[in-house]
Amino acid sequence: MAIQYTTEIRDAKMNQIEATIGVGGGITLNIFTGAAPSATTDANTGTLLVDIVLPNDWLTASSSGTVGKVGTWEETNAPGAGVAAHFRIHETNECHMQGTVGQGSGDLSLDNTTIAATQTVTITQFDLTDGNA
């Protein structure tokens, strides 16, 4: 049997994400082309397409083991051009999280994965759930 947790423990685990990474102007979401690095400790890979400074409070409080984005996550002048494939969330120069990007899919969902330089890019969905495994 797999270990199971109460909702309170799942919520505490998920709330720890923002508490650990931080809040404030130093948290950035970067979207790149190509495959993600093997580990968050590895250097960035691909072409940087989008660089968004996240809001001061960027994740909701956990409910039933799930957190989601707060507010509008948007870049109004994308610095790069290409097809979005992965994201990384950084605090200063440290990558704390990475995952896949899609349009209506992926760990992070965009309004359009084919990005042209200077276009507006909007994150449409970003939810994280503790699987209670």
N, C-alpha and C. Protein backbone atom coordinates (compact mmCIF):
# COMPACT_ATOMS: atom_id res chain seq x y z
N MET A 1 0.85 -1.18 0.00
CA MET A 1 0.00 0.00 0.00
C MET A 1 0.89 1.25 0.00
N ALA A 2 0.53 2.23 -0.80
CA ALA A 2 1.27 3.50 -0.86
C ALA A 2 0.90 4.35 0.36
N ILE A 3 1.84 5.18 0.78
CA ILE A 3 1.58 6.10 1.89
C ILE A 3 0.51 7.09 1.47
N GLN A 4 -0.42 7.36 2.38
CA GLN A 4 -1.45 8.36 2.13
C GLN A 4 -1.38 9.42 3.21
N TYR A 5 -1.73 10.66 2.83
CA TYR A 5 -1.67 11.80 3.74
C TYR A 5 -3.05 12.43 3.91
N THR A 6 -3.24 13.09 5.03
CA THR A 6 -4.45 13.87 5.22
C THR A 6 -4.39 15.10 4.32
N THR A 7 -5.53 15.72 4.12
CA THR A 7 -5.58 16.95 3.34
C THR A 7 -4.71 18.02 3.97
N GLU A 8 -4.67 18.07 5.30
CA GLU A 8 -3.86 19.08 5.98
C GLU A 8 -2.37 18.93 5.64
N ILE A 9 -1.88 17.71 5.60
CA ILE A 9 -0.47 17.48 5.25
C ILE A 9 -0.23 17.80 3.78
N ARG A 10 -1.13 17.39 2.91
CA ARG A 10 -0.98 17.70 1.48
C ARG A 10 -0.96 19.21 1.27
N ASP A 11 -1.85 19.93 1.94
CA ASP A 11 -1.88 21.39 1.81
C ASP A 11 -0.59 22.02 2.35
N ALA A 12 -0.10 21.52 3.46
CA ALA A 12 1.15 22.05 4.03
C ALA A 12 2.30 21.83 3.07
N LYS A 13 2.36 20.65 2.45
CA LYS A 13 3.42 20.37 1.48
C LYS A 13 3.35 21.33 0.30
N MET A 14 2.17 21.54 -0.23
CA MET A 14 2.02 22.40 -1.41
C MET A 14 2.26 23.88 -1.07
N ASN A 15 1.84 24.32 0.11
CA ASN A 15 2.10 25.70 0.51
C ASN A 15 3.58 25.97 0.70
N GLN A 16 4.35 24.92 0.94
CA GLN A 16 5.79 25.08 1.15
C GLN A 16 6.52 25.47 -0.14
N ILE A 17 5.92 25.22 -1.30
CA ILE A 17 6.55 25.58 -2.57
C ILE A 17 6.84 27.07 -2.63
N GLU A 18 5.80 27.88 -2.47
CA GLU A 18 5.99 29.34 -2.52
C GLU A 18 6.80 29.83 -1.33
N ALA A 19 6.61 29.21 -0.17
CA ALA A 19 7.37 29.62 1.02
C ALA A 19 8.86 29.38 0.81
N THR A 20 9.23 28.32 0.13
CA THR A 20 10.64 27.99 -0.10
C THR A 20 11.24 28.84 -1.22
N ILE A 21 10.53 28.94 -2.34
CA ILE A 21 11.06 29.70 -3.48
C ILE A 21 11.06 31.19 -3.17
N GLY A 22 9.99 31.66 -2.53
CA GLY A 22 9.92 33.05 -2.15
C GLY A 22 8.81 33.80 -2.85
N VAL A 23 8.60 34.99 -2.39
CA VAL A 23 7.64 35.92 -2.98
C VAL A 23 8.39 37.22 -3.26
N GLY A 24 7.81 38.06 -4.05
CA GLY A 24 8.46 39.33 -4.34
C GLY A 24 9.00 39.36 -5.75
N GLY A 25 9.62 40.46 -6.10
CA GLY A 25 10.06 40.72 -7.46
C GLY A 25 11.19 39.86 -7.97
N GLY A 26 11.78 39.01 -7.15
CA GLY A 26 12.92 38.22 -7.60
C GLY A 26 12.59 36.87 -8.19
N ILE A 27 11.31 36.53 -8.28
CA ILE A 27 10.91 35.22 -8.81
C ILE A 27 10.54 35.38 -10.28
N THR A 28 11.21 34.61 -11.15
CA THR A 28 10.93 34.73 -12.58
C THR A 28 10.54 33.39 -13.17
N LEU A 29 9.68 33.47 -14.16
CA LEU A 29 9.27 32.33 -14.97
C LEU A 29 9.91 32.52 -16.34
N ASN A 30 10.74 31.57 -16.74
CA ASN A 30 11.37 31.62 -18.06
C ASN A 30 10.85 30.47 -18.89
N ILE A 31 10.54 30.75 -20.16
CA ILE A 31 10.07 29.73 -21.09
C ILE A 31 11.09 29.61 -22.21
N PHE A 32 11.44 28.35 -22.53
CA PHE A 32 12.50 28.07 -23.49
C PHE A 32 12.02 27.12 -24.59
N THR A 33 12.77 27.07 -25.68
CA THR A 33 12.59 26.05 -26.72
C THR A 33 13.31 24.78 -26.27
N GLY A 34 13.01 23.68 -26.91
CA GLY A 34 13.76 22.44 -26.71
C GLY A 34 13.50 21.73 -25.41
N ALA A 35 14.27 20.68 -25.21
CA ALA A 35 14.13 19.83 -24.02
C ALA A 35 14.68 20.54 -22.79
N ALA A 36 14.07 20.27 -21.66
CA ALA A 36 14.54 20.81 -20.39
C ALA A 36 15.85 20.15 -19.99
N PRO A 37 16.65 20.83 -19.19
CA PRO A 37 17.86 20.19 -18.65
C PRO A 37 17.47 18.94 -17.85
N SER A 38 18.44 18.09 -17.59
CA SER A 38 18.18 16.85 -16.84
C SER A 38 17.78 17.12 -15.41
N ALA A 39 18.28 18.20 -14.82
CA ALA A 39 18.00 18.53 -13.42
C ALA A 39 17.89 20.04 -13.26
N THR A 40 17.21 20.47 -12.22
CA THR A 40 17.08 21.90 -11.96
C THR A 40 18.42 22.56 -11.67
N THR A 41 19.41 21.79 -11.26
CA THR A 41 20.73 22.34 -10.97
C THR A 41 21.58 22.53 -12.22
N ASP A 42 21.13 22.01 -13.37
CA ASP A 42 21.86 22.17 -14.63
C ASP A 42 21.59 23.54 -15.23
N ALA A 43 22.49 23.99 -16.11
CA ALA A 43 22.34 25.28 -16.78
C ALA A 43 21.11 25.26 -17.70
N ASN A 44 20.57 26.45 -17.98
CA ASN A 44 19.46 26.58 -18.91
C ASN A 44 19.84 26.00 -20.27
N THR A 45 18.83 25.46 -20.97
CA THR A 45 19.02 24.96 -22.32
C THR A 45 17.98 25.58 -23.23
N GLY A 46 18.23 25.58 -24.54
CA GLY A 46 17.29 26.14 -25.49
C GLY A 46 17.40 27.65 -25.58
N THR A 47 16.50 28.23 -26.36
CA THR A 47 16.44 29.67 -26.55
C THR A 47 15.40 30.26 -25.61
N LEU A 48 15.77 31.31 -24.90
CA LEU A 48 14.82 31.99 -24.02
C LEU A 48 13.78 32.71 -24.87
N LEU A 49 12.51 32.38 -24.65
CA LEU A 49 11.41 32.99 -25.39
C LEU A 49 10.65 34.01 -24.56
N VAL A 50 10.48 33.72 -23.29
CA VAL A 50 9.65 34.54 -22.41
C VAL A 50 10.32 34.65 -21.05
N ASP A 51 10.25 35.84 -20.47
CA ASP A 51 10.83 36.11 -19.16
C ASP A 51 9.81 36.93 -18.36
N ILE A 52 9.12 36.28 -17.44
CA ILE A 52 8.04 36.93 -16.68
C ILE A 52 8.44 37.05 -15.22
N VAL A 53 8.37 38.26 -14.67
CA VAL A 53 8.53 38.44 -13.23
C VAL A 53 7.18 38.12 -12.61
N LEU A 54 7.15 37.13 -11.72
CA LEU A 54 5.89 36.70 -11.13
C LEU A 54 5.40 37.70 -10.08
N PRO A 55 4.07 37.73 -9.86
CA PRO A 55 3.52 38.63 -8.84
C PRO A 55 4.08 38.32 -7.46
N ASN A 56 3.94 39.26 -6.54
CA ASN A 56 4.45 39.07 -5.18
C ASN A 56 3.90 37.81 -4.53
N ASP A 57 2.64 37.54 -4.68
CA ASP A 57 2.01 36.31 -4.19
C ASP A 57 1.59 35.55 -5.43
N TRP A 58 2.40 34.59 -5.88
CA TRP A 58 2.19 34.00 -7.19
C TRP A 58 1.45 32.67 -7.20
N LEU A 59 1.25 32.05 -6.03
CA LEU A 59 0.47 30.81 -5.94
C LEU A 59 -0.67 30.96 -4.94
N THR A 60 -1.79 30.33 -5.25
CA THR A 60 -2.90 30.32 -4.31
C THR A 60 -2.53 29.52 -3.07
N ALA A 61 -3.26 29.71 -2.00
CA ALA A 61 -3.14 28.83 -0.85
C ALA A 61 -3.67 27.46 -1.27
N SER A 62 -3.04 26.42 -0.80
CA SER A 62 -3.42 25.06 -1.19
C SER A 62 -4.81 24.70 -0.68
N SER A 63 -5.56 24.04 -1.55
CA SER A 63 -6.87 23.52 -1.20
C SER A 63 -6.94 22.10 -1.74
N SER A 64 -7.17 21.15 -0.86
CA SER A 64 -7.21 19.73 -1.23
C SER A 64 -5.94 19.30 -1.96
N GLY A 65 -4.80 19.87 -1.55
CA GLY A 65 -3.51 19.48 -2.11
C GLY A 65 -3.18 20.10 -3.45
N THR A 66 -3.88 21.17 -3.83
CA THR A 66 -3.66 21.81 -5.12
C THR A 66 -3.42 23.31 -4.96
N VAL A 67 -2.40 23.82 -5.67
CA VAL A 67 -2.15 25.26 -5.77
C VAL A 67 -2.20 25.65 -7.24
N GLY A 68 -2.47 26.93 -7.49
CA GLY A 68 -2.52 27.43 -8.86
C GLY A 68 -1.98 28.85 -8.93
N LYS A 69 -1.83 29.35 -10.14
CA LYS A 69 -1.28 30.68 -10.32
C LYS A 69 -2.23 31.74 -9.79
N VAL A 70 -1.67 32.83 -9.30
CA VAL A 70 -2.44 33.97 -8.83
C VAL A 70 -2.22 35.11 -9.82
N GLY A 71 -3.29 35.76 -10.20
CA GLY A 71 -3.19 36.93 -11.06
C GLY A 71 -2.85 36.58 -12.50
N THR A 72 -2.46 37.61 -13.25
CA THR A 72 -2.12 37.46 -14.65
C THR A 72 -0.62 37.26 -14.79
N TRP A 73 -0.24 36.17 -15.44
CA TRP A 73 1.16 35.91 -15.76
C TRP A 73 1.29 36.17 -17.24
N GLU A 74 1.96 37.27 -17.59
CA GLU A 74 1.99 37.69 -18.99
C GLU A 74 3.27 38.44 -19.31
N GLU A 75 3.77 38.22 -20.51
CA GLU A 75 4.89 38.97 -21.06
C GLU A 75 4.36 39.74 -22.26
N THR A 76 4.49 41.06 -22.25
CA THR A 76 3.92 41.86 -23.33
C THR A 76 4.92 42.14 -24.45
N ASN A 77 6.16 41.68 -24.30
CA ASN A 77 7.18 41.93 -25.32
C ASN A 77 8.18 40.77 -25.28
N ALA A 78 7.76 39.62 -25.78
CA ALA A 78 8.60 38.41 -25.72
C ALA A 78 9.97 38.68 -26.36
N PRO A 79 11.05 38.35 -25.65
CA PRO A 79 12.38 38.61 -26.18
C PRO A 79 12.86 37.64 -27.26
N GLY A 80 12.21 36.47 -27.38
CA GLY A 80 12.69 35.46 -28.31
C GLY A 80 11.60 34.98 -29.25
N ALA A 81 11.98 34.15 -30.21
CA ALA A 81 11.03 33.57 -31.16
C ALA A 81 11.31 32.08 -31.28
N GLY A 82 10.24 31.28 -31.30
CA GLY A 82 10.38 29.83 -31.45
C GLY A 82 9.18 29.13 -30.86
N VAL A 83 9.29 27.81 -30.72
CA VAL A 83 8.21 27.00 -30.15
C VAL A 83 8.53 26.69 -28.69
N ALA A 84 7.64 27.09 -27.80
CA ALA A 84 7.83 26.88 -26.36
C ALA A 84 7.75 25.40 -26.04
N ALA A 85 8.71 24.92 -25.21
CA ALA A 85 8.73 23.49 -24.88
C ALA A 85 8.90 23.23 -23.39
N HIS A 86 9.62 24.10 -22.67
CA HIS A 86 9.77 23.89 -21.23
C HIS A 86 9.89 25.22 -20.50
N PHE A 87 9.61 25.16 -19.19
CA PHE A 87 9.72 26.36 -18.36
C PHE A 87 10.63 26.07 -17.19
N ARG A 88 11.13 27.15 -16.60
CA ARG A 88 11.90 27.06 -15.36
C ARG A 88 11.48 28.25 -14.49
N ILE A 89 11.34 28.01 -13.19
CA ILE A 89 11.06 29.08 -12.24
C ILE A 89 12.31 29.30 -11.41
N HIS A 90 12.80 30.55 -11.44
CA HIS A 90 14.05 30.93 -10.78
C HIS A 90 13.79 31.93 -9.65
N GLU A 91 14.58 31.81 -8.62
CA GLU A 91 14.69 32.83 -7.58
C GLU A 91 16.15 33.27 -7.66
N THR A 92 16.35 34.51 -8.04
CA THR A 92 17.67 35.04 -8.34
C THR A 92 18.29 34.16 -9.43
N ASN A 93 19.38 33.48 -9.17
CA ASN A 93 20.01 32.64 -10.19
C ASN A 93 19.78 31.15 -9.97
N GLU A 94 18.93 30.78 -9.03
CA GLU A 94 18.70 29.37 -8.73
C GLU A 94 17.38 28.89 -9.31
N CYS A 95 17.44 27.83 -10.12
CA CYS A 95 16.23 27.22 -10.65
C CYS A 95 15.66 26.28 -9.59
N HIS A 96 14.41 26.51 -9.23
CA HIS A 96 13.74 25.68 -8.22
C HIS A 96 12.76 24.69 -8.83
N MET A 97 12.31 24.95 -10.06
CA MET A 97 11.26 24.12 -10.64
C MET A 97 11.36 24.20 -12.16
N GLN A 98 11.07 23.08 -12.83
CA GLN A 98 11.00 23.09 -14.29
C GLN A 98 9.95 22.08 -14.73
N GLY A 99 9.44 22.27 -15.94
CA GLY A 99 8.43 21.36 -16.46
C GLY A 99 8.13 21.64 -17.91
N THR A 100 7.13 20.95 -18.43
CA THR A 100 6.76 21.06 -19.83
C THR A 100 5.79 22.22 -20.06
N VAL A 101 5.75 22.67 -21.31
CA VAL A 101 4.86 23.75 -21.73
C VAL A 101 4.00 23.24 -22.87
N GLY A 102 2.73 23.62 -22.87
CA GLY A 102 1.84 23.26 -23.96
C GLY A 102 0.77 24.32 -24.14
N GLN A 103 -0.08 24.10 -25.11
CA GLN A 103 -1.25 24.95 -25.31
C GLN A 103 -2.46 24.10 -24.96
N GLY A 104 -3.00 24.33 -23.76
CA GLY A 104 -4.08 23.48 -23.25
C GLY A 104 -3.56 22.15 -22.72
N SER A 105 -2.24 22.05 -22.56
CA SER A 105 -1.62 20.82 -22.05
C SER A 105 -0.31 21.19 -21.38
N GLY A 106 0.45 20.19 -20.96
CA GLY A 106 1.73 20.44 -20.31
C GLY A 106 1.57 20.79 -18.84
N ASP A 107 2.70 20.92 -18.17
CA ASP A 107 2.67 21.32 -16.76
C ASP A 107 2.25 22.79 -16.63
N LEU A 108 2.55 23.57 -17.66
CA LEU A 108 2.18 24.98 -17.73
C LEU A 108 1.57 25.20 -19.11
N SER A 109 0.43 25.88 -19.16
CA SER A 109 -0.27 26.06 -20.42
C SER A 109 -0.24 27.53 -20.86
N LEU A 110 0.08 27.74 -22.15
CA LEU A 110 0.13 29.07 -22.74
C LEU A 110 -1.05 29.28 -23.68
N ASP A 111 -1.29 30.53 -24.04
CA ASP A 111 -2.31 30.83 -25.04
C ASP A 111 -1.85 30.44 -26.44
N ASN A 112 -0.52 30.34 -26.66
CA ASN A 112 0.02 29.98 -27.96
C ASN A 112 1.47 29.56 -27.75
N THR A 113 1.84 28.38 -28.21
CA THR A 113 3.21 27.90 -28.00
C THR A 113 4.18 28.36 -29.10
N THR A 114 3.66 28.82 -30.23
CA THR A 114 4.52 29.36 -31.28
C THR A 114 4.64 30.86 -31.04
N ILE A 115 5.82 31.27 -30.62
CA ILE A 115 6.02 32.65 -30.14
C ILE A 115 6.87 33.42 -31.12
N ALA A 116 6.42 34.62 -31.43
CA ALA A 116 7.20 35.55 -32.27
C ALA A 116 7.79 36.62 -31.35
N ALA A 117 8.96 37.10 -31.70
CA ALA A 117 9.59 38.16 -30.91
C ALA A 117 8.64 39.35 -30.82
N THR A 118 8.57 39.93 -29.66
CA THR A 118 7.76 41.11 -29.28
C THR A 118 6.28 40.81 -29.08
N GLN A 119 5.82 39.59 -29.30
CA GLN A 119 4.39 39.32 -29.09
C GLN A 119 4.07 39.22 -27.60
N THR A 120 2.79 39.31 -27.27
CA THR A 120 2.30 39.11 -25.91
C THR A 120 2.06 37.62 -25.70
N VAL A 121 2.57 37.10 -24.58
CA VAL A 121 2.40 35.69 -24.22
C VAL A 121 1.71 35.64 -22.87
N THR A 122 0.63 34.88 -22.78
CA THR A 122 -0.14 34.76 -21.54
C THR A 122 -0.16 33.31 -21.06
N ILE A 123 0.14 33.13 -19.77
CA ILE A 123 0.03 31.81 -19.16
C ILE A 123 -1.44 31.61 -18.82
N THR A 124 -2.05 30.59 -19.38
CA THR A 124 -3.47 30.36 -19.16
C THR A 124 -3.76 29.43 -17.99
N GLN A 125 -2.81 28.54 -17.67
CA GLN A 125 -3.04 27.64 -16.54
C GLN A 125 -1.72 27.13 -15.97
N PHE A 126 -1.66 27.11 -14.65
CA PHE A 126 -0.53 26.53 -13.94
C PHE A 126 -1.06 26.03 -12.60
N ASP A 127 -1.27 24.73 -12.50
CA ASP A 127 -1.76 24.10 -11.28
C ASP A 127 -0.81 22.98 -10.88
N LEU A 128 -0.56 22.87 -9.59
CA LEU A 128 0.26 21.79 -9.06
C LEU A 128 -0.56 21.05 -8.02
N THR A 129 -0.52 19.72 -8.07
CA THR A 129 -1.30 18.90 -7.15
C THR A 129 -0.41 17.86 -6.50
N ASP A 130 -0.52 17.74 -5.17
CA ASP A 130 0.15 16.66 -4.46
C ASP A 130 -0.68 15.41 -4.71
N GLY A 131 -0.05 14.40 -5.28
CA GLY A 131 -0.78 13.21 -5.72
C GLY A 131 -1.21 12.26 -4.62
N ASN A 132 -0.83 12.54 -3.36
CA ASN A 132 -1.21 11.68 -2.24
C ASN A 132 -0.80 10.23 -2.49
N ALA A 133 0.42 10.08 -3.02
CA ALA A 133 0.91 8.74 -3.29
C ALA A 133 1.39 8.12 -2.01
